[in-house]
């Protein structure tokens, strides 16, 4: 994969996180969230990306996450990672911005597994009691660097 300019990636992340004025209904300690997402990855070409994940609230405004996704291409790639979401407190209750970071790997059916760190952020936009949309932007940095822009649906148990 081709490396993307850090300035472009940083600008995208800052634009996404500049939503501080928006909201707050955080995933609380002990609550579980599941969801699916679809989007695009870019770095060495642009490819579709679909996946699913889960999160559990472990402290005030902190959730542990895990995701698995598929990047269908000439050699299918399978991405897996674990991470943390820090939910940014807001005044409104229907939109919760978050900062994300984690680590994981990508296995290509063409051979080999590469490990990476990721960071980014997104929003939990509540459409109802415990469910909604989750747009997200992440940068994956390792042997190759790429970005993922995705939108998904989530559901939180215990709400």
C-alpha atoms as a PDB file:
ATOM      1  CA  UNK A   1       0.000   0.000   0.000  1.00  0.00           C
ATOM      2  CA  UNK A   2       1.152   3.520  -0.790  1.00  0.00           C
ATOM      3  CA  UNK A   3       1.726   5.907   2.116  1.00  0.00           C
ATOM      4  CA  UNK A   4      -0.709   8.843   2.460  1.00  0.00           C
ATOM      5  CA  UNK A   5       0.445  12.358   3.374  1.00  0.00           C
ATOM      6  CA  UNK A   6       0.241  12.868   7.140  1.00  0.00           C
ATOM      7  CA  UNK A   7      -1.114  16.417   6.682  1.00  0.00           C
ATOM      8  CA  UNK A   8      -4.136  15.172   4.707  1.00  0.00           C
ATOM      9  CA  UNK A   9      -4.847  12.469   7.277  1.00  0.00           C
ATOM     10  CA  UNK A  10      -4.430  14.856  10.208  1.00  0.00           C
ATOM     11  CA  UNK A  11      -6.767  17.415   8.629  1.00  0.00           C
ATOM     12  CA  UNK A  12      -9.447  14.743   8.159  1.00  0.00           C
ATOM     13  CA  UNK A  13      -9.153  13.617  11.765  1.00  0.00           C
ATOM     14  CA  UNK A  14      -9.301  17.183  13.112  1.00  0.00           C
ATOM     15  CA  UNK A  15     -12.335  17.979  10.954  1.00  0.00           C
ATOM     16  CA  UNK A  16     -14.133  14.912  12.307  1.00  0.00           C
ATOM     17  CA  UNK A  17     -13.256  15.658  15.927  1.00  0.00           C
ATOM     18  CA  UNK A  18     -14.226  19.335  15.668  1.00  0.00           C
ATOM     19  CA  UNK A  19     -17.796  18.282  16.439  1.00  0.00           C
ATOM     20  CA  UNK A  20     -17.225  19.049  20.157  1.00  0.00           C
ATOM     21  CA  UNK A  21     -20.349  21.222  20.253  1.00  0.00           C
ATOM     22  CA  UNK A  22     -22.647  18.316  19.462  1.00  0.00           C
ATOM     23  CA  UNK A  23     -23.792  15.922  22.311  1.00  0.00           C
ATOM     24  CA  UNK A  24     -23.712  13.124  25.100  1.00  0.00           C
ATOM     25  CA  UNK A  25     -25.338   9.710  25.875  1.00  0.00           C
ATOM     26  CA  UNK A  26     -22.290   7.558  26.593  1.00  0.00           C
ATOM     27  CA  UNK A  27     -22.071   3.788  26.698  1.00  0.00           C
ATOM     28  CA  UNK A  28     -22.126   3.164  30.442  1.00  0.00           C
ATOM     29  CA  UNK A  29     -20.028   0.736  32.474  1.00  0.00           C
ATOM     30  CA  UNK A  30     -21.164  -2.840  31.883  1.00  0.00           C
ATOM     31  CA  UNK A  31     -23.277  -2.043  28.824  1.00  0.00           C
ATOM     32  CA  UNK A  32     -22.555  -3.920  25.582  1.00  0.00           C
ATOM     33  CA  UNK A  33     -22.793  -2.544  22.060  1.00  0.00           C
ATOM     34  CA  UNK A  34     -22.826  -4.552  18.812  1.00  0.00           C
ATOM     35  CA  UNK A  35     -22.844  -3.255  15.277  1.00  0.00           C
ATOM     36  CA  UNK A  36     -21.960  -3.608  11.653  1.00  0.00           C
ATOM     37  CA  UNK A  37     -20.406  -1.164   9.211  1.00  0.00           C
ATOM     38  CA  UNK A  38     -19.556  -0.597   5.558  1.00  0.00           C
ATOM     39  CA  UNK A  39     -17.171   1.862   3.998  1.00  0.00           C
ATOM     40  CA  UNK A  40     -14.028   2.420   1.989  1.00  0.00           C
ATOM     41  CA  UNK A  41     -10.337   1.927   2.661  1.00  0.00           C
ATOM     42  CA  UNK A  42      -7.755   3.946   0.743  1.00  0.00           C
ATOM     43  CA  UNK A  43      -3.990   3.840   0.628  1.00  0.00           C
ATOM     44  CA  UNK A  44      -3.021   1.526  -2.215  1.00  0.00           C
ATOM     45  CA  UNK A  45      -6.096   2.013  -4.288  1.00  0.00           C
ATOM     46  CA  UNK A  46      -9.600   2.277  -2.923  1.00  0.00           C
ATOM     47  CA  UNK A  47     -11.546  -0.796  -1.851  1.00  0.00           C
ATOM     48  CA  UNK A  48     -14.847  -1.605  -0.151  1.00  0.00           C
ATOM     49  CA  UNK A  49     -14.772  -2.653   3.496  1.00  0.00           C
ATOM     50  CA  UNK A  50     -17.483  -4.426   5.524  1.00  0.00           C
ATOM     51  CA  UNK A  51     -17.318  -5.607   9.095  1.00  0.00           C
ATOM     52  CA  UNK A  52     -18.781  -6.025  12.553  1.00  0.00           C
ATOM     53  CA  UNK A  53     -17.703  -5.239  16.056  1.00  0.00           C
ATOM     54  CA  UNK A  54     -18.579  -5.060  19.717  1.00  0.00           C
ATOM     55  CA  UNK A  55     -17.817  -2.694  22.590  1.00  0.00           C
ATOM     56  CA  UNK A  56     -18.239  -2.862  26.351  1.00  0.00           C
ATOM     57  CA  UNK A  57     -18.287   0.111  28.709  1.00  0.00           C
ATOM     58  CA  UNK A  58     -15.502  -0.343  31.282  1.00  0.00           C
ATOM     59  CA  UNK A  59     -15.355   3.072  32.987  1.00  0.00           C
ATOM     60  CA  UNK A  60     -16.870   6.535  32.824  1.00  0.00           C
ATOM     61  CA  UNK A  61     -16.687   7.478  29.082  1.00  0.00           C
ATOM     62  CA  UNK A  62     -14.348   4.535  28.220  1.00  0.00           C
ATOM     63  CA  UNK A  63     -15.244   1.478  26.120  1.00  0.00           C
ATOM     64  CA  UNK A  64     -13.127  -1.487  25.022  1.00  0.00           C
ATOM     65  CA  UNK A  65     -13.757  -2.484  21.408  1.00  0.00           C
ATOM     66  CA  UNK A  66     -13.074  -5.318  19.003  1.00  0.00           C
ATOM     67  CA  UNK A  67     -13.699  -5.432  15.248  1.00  0.00           C
ATOM     68  CA  UNK A  68     -13.340  -7.799  12.320  1.00  0.00           C
ATOM     69  CA  UNK A  69     -13.711  -6.708   8.701  1.00  0.00           C
ATOM     70  CA  UNK A  70     -13.174  -7.918   5.156  1.00  0.00           C
ATOM     71  CA  UNK A  71     -11.568  -5.911   2.356  1.00  0.00           C
ATOM     72  CA  UNK A  72     -12.607  -7.686  -0.863  1.00  0.00           C
ATOM     73  CA  UNK A  73      -9.952  -7.164  -3.541  1.00  0.00           C
ATOM     74  CA  UNK A  74      -7.806  -9.288  -5.863  1.00  0.00           C
ATOM     75  CA  UNK A  75      -6.375 -10.907  -2.720  1.00  0.00           C
ATOM     76  CA  UNK A  76      -9.036 -10.640  -0.001  1.00  0.00           C
ATOM     77  CA  UNK A  77      -7.785  -9.089   3.228  1.00  0.00           C
ATOM     78  CA  UNK A  78      -9.124  -9.682   6.723  1.00  0.00           C
ATOM     79  CA  UNK A  79      -8.610  -6.953   9.315  1.00  0.00           C
ATOM     80  CA  UNK A  80      -8.957  -7.516  13.061  1.00  0.00           C
ATOM     81  CA  UNK A  81      -8.201  -5.216  15.961  1.00  0.00           C
ATOM     82  CA  UNK A  82      -8.901  -4.355  19.581  1.00  0.00           C
ATOM     83  CA  UNK A  83      -9.000  -0.850  20.931  1.00  0.00           C
ATOM     84  CA  UNK A  84     -10.445   1.835  23.162  1.00  0.00           C
ATOM     85  CA  UNK A  85     -13.067   4.520  22.548  1.00  0.00           C
ATOM     86  CA  UNK A  86     -12.977   7.612  24.766  1.00  0.00           C
ATOM     87  CA  UNK A  87     -16.453   9.182  24.662  1.00  0.00           C
ATOM     88  CA  UNK A  88     -16.279  12.978  24.736  1.00  0.00           C
ATOM     89  CA  UNK A  89     -18.868  14.466  27.132  1.00  0.00           C
ATOM     90  CA  UNK A  90     -21.400  16.838  25.573  1.00  0.00           C
ATOM     91  CA  UNK A  91     -24.566  18.718  26.505  1.00  0.00           C
ATOM     92  CA  UNK A  92     -26.923  17.057  23.996  1.00  0.00           C
ATOM     93  CA  UNK A  93     -27.901  13.440  24.437  1.00  0.00           C
ATOM     94  CA  UNK A  94     -28.367  12.247  20.841  1.00  0.00           C
ATOM     95  CA  UNK A  95     -24.801  12.620  19.487  1.00  0.00           C
ATOM     96  CA  UNK A  96     -21.642  11.387  21.221  1.00  0.00           C
ATOM     97  CA  UNK A  97     -18.263  12.054  19.577  1.00  0.00           C
ATOM     98  CA  UNK A  98     -15.390   9.738  20.455  1.00  0.00           C
ATOM     99  CA  UNK A  99     -11.677   9.343  19.947  1.00  0.00           C
ATOM    100  CA  UNK A 100     -10.459   5.837  19.073  1.00  0.00           C
ATOM    101  CA  UNK A 101      -7.122   4.061  19.169  1.00  0.00           C
ATOM    102  CA  UNK A 102      -6.087   0.425  19.014  1.00  0.00           C
ATOM    103  CA  UNK A 103      -3.882  -2.252  17.497  1.00  0.00           C
ATOM    104  CA  UNK A 104      -4.425  -5.274  15.306  1.00  0.00           C
ATOM    105  CA  UNK A 105      -3.515  -6.918  12.056  1.00  0.00           C
ATOM    106  CA  UNK A 106      -4.430  -7.480   8.438  1.00  0.00           C
ATOM    107  CA  UNK A 107      -4.120 -10.915   6.892  1.00  0.00           C
ATOM    108  CA  UNK A 108      -4.085 -11.128   3.103  1.00  0.00           C
ATOM    109  CA  UNK A 109      -5.233 -14.280   1.323  1.00  0.00           C
ATOM    110  CA  UNK A 110      -2.240 -13.550  -0.959  1.00  0.00           C
ATOM    111  CA  UNK A 111      -0.002 -14.343   2.028  1.00  0.00           C
ATOM    112  CA  UNK A 112       1.252 -12.633   5.135  1.00  0.00           C
ATOM    113  CA  UNK A 113      -0.061 -10.752   8.134  1.00  0.00           C
ATOM    114  CA  UNK A 114       0.901  -7.158   8.905  1.00  0.00           C
ATOM    115  CA  UNK A 115       0.382  -5.587  12.312  1.00  0.00           C
ATOM    116  CA  UNK A 116      -0.605  -1.952  12.833  1.00  0.00           C
ATOM    117  CA  UNK A 117      -1.711   0.771  15.232  1.00  0.00           C
ATOM    118  CA  UNK A 118      -4.869   2.724  14.488  1.00  0.00           C
ATOM    119  CA  UNK A 119      -6.316   6.005  15.639  1.00  0.00           C
ATOM    120  CA  UNK A 120      -9.231   8.193  14.640  1.00  0.00           C
ATOM    121  CA  UNK A 121     -12.680   9.023  15.822  1.00  0.00           C
ATOM    122  CA  UNK A 122     -16.332   9.158  15.056  1.00  0.00           C
ATOM    123  CA  UNK A 123     -19.821   9.819  16.349  1.00  0.00           C
ATOM    124  CA  UNK A 124     -22.547   7.724  17.901  1.00  0.00           C
ATOM    125  CA  UNK A 125     -25.720   9.341  16.558  1.00  0.00           C
ATOM    126  CA  UNK A 126     -28.678   7.974  18.508  1.00  0.00           C
ATOM    127  CA  UNK A 127     -31.844   7.476  16.450  1.00  0.00           C
ATOM    128  CA  UNK A 128     -33.720   5.742  19.269  1.00  0.00           C
ATOM    129  CA  UNK A 129     -33.258   4.232  22.713  1.00  0.00           C
ATOM    130  CA  UNK A 130     -29.825   2.520  22.540  1.00  0.00           C
ATOM    131  CA  UNK A 131     -29.428   2.337  18.749  1.00  0.00           C
ATOM    132  CA  UNK A 132     -28.273   4.569  15.924  1.00  0.00           C
ATOM    133  CA  UNK A 133     -25.686   5.418  13.268  1.00  0.00           C
ATOM    134  CA  UNK A 134     -21.924   5.489  13.763  1.00  0.00           C
ATOM    135  CA  UNK A 135     -19.817   7.290  11.136  1.00  0.00           C
ATOM    136  CA  UNK A 136     -16.095   6.820  11.710  1.00  0.00           C
ATOM    137  CA  UNK A 137     -12.693   7.822  10.318  1.00  0.00           C
ATOM    138  CA  UNK A 138      -9.545   5.840  11.210  1.00  0.00           C
ATOM    139  CA  UNK A 139      -5.906   5.875  10.187  1.00  0.00           C
ATOM    140  CA  UNK A 140      -4.103   2.526  10.217  1.00  0.00           C
ATOM    141  CA  UNK A 141      -0.310   2.847  10.507  1.00  0.00           C
ATOM    142  CA  UNK A 142       2.098  -0.052  10.140  1.00  0.00           C
ATOM    143  CA  UNK A 143       4.211  -1.438   7.330  1.00  0.00           C
ATOM    144  CA  UNK A 144       1.661   0.259   5.053  1.00  0.00           C
ATOM    145  CA  UNK A 145      -0.567   3.182   5.973  1.00  0.00           C
ATOM    146  CA  UNK A 146      -4.198   3.455   4.953  1.00  0.00           C
ATOM    147  CA  UNK A 147      -7.427   5.138   6.041  1.00  0.00           C
ATOM    148  CA  UNK A 148     -10.928   3.798   6.552  1.00  0.00           C
ATOM    149  CA  UNK A 149     -14.094   5.855   6.286  1.00  0.00           C
ATOM    150  CA  UNK A 150     -17.171   3.890   7.323  1.00  0.00           C
ATOM    151  CA  UNK A 151     -20.758   4.230   8.497  1.00  0.00           C
ATOM    152  CA  UNK A 152     -22.509   1.616  10.557  1.00  0.00           C
ATOM    153  CA  UNK A 153     -25.502   0.781  12.690  1.00  0.00           C
ATOM    154  CA  UNK A 154     -25.145  -0.007  16.409  1.00  0.00           C
ATOM    155  CA  UNK A 155     -27.350  -1.420  19.158  1.00  0.00           C
ATOM    156  CA  UNK A 156     -26.647  -1.153  22.894  1.00  0.00           C
ATOM    157  CA  UNK A 157     -27.995  -3.828  25.236  1.00  0.00           C
ATOM    158  CA  UNK A 158     -29.209  -2.744  28.658  1.00  0.00           C
ATOM    159  CA  UNK A 159     -30.658   0.620  27.602  1.00  0.00           C
END
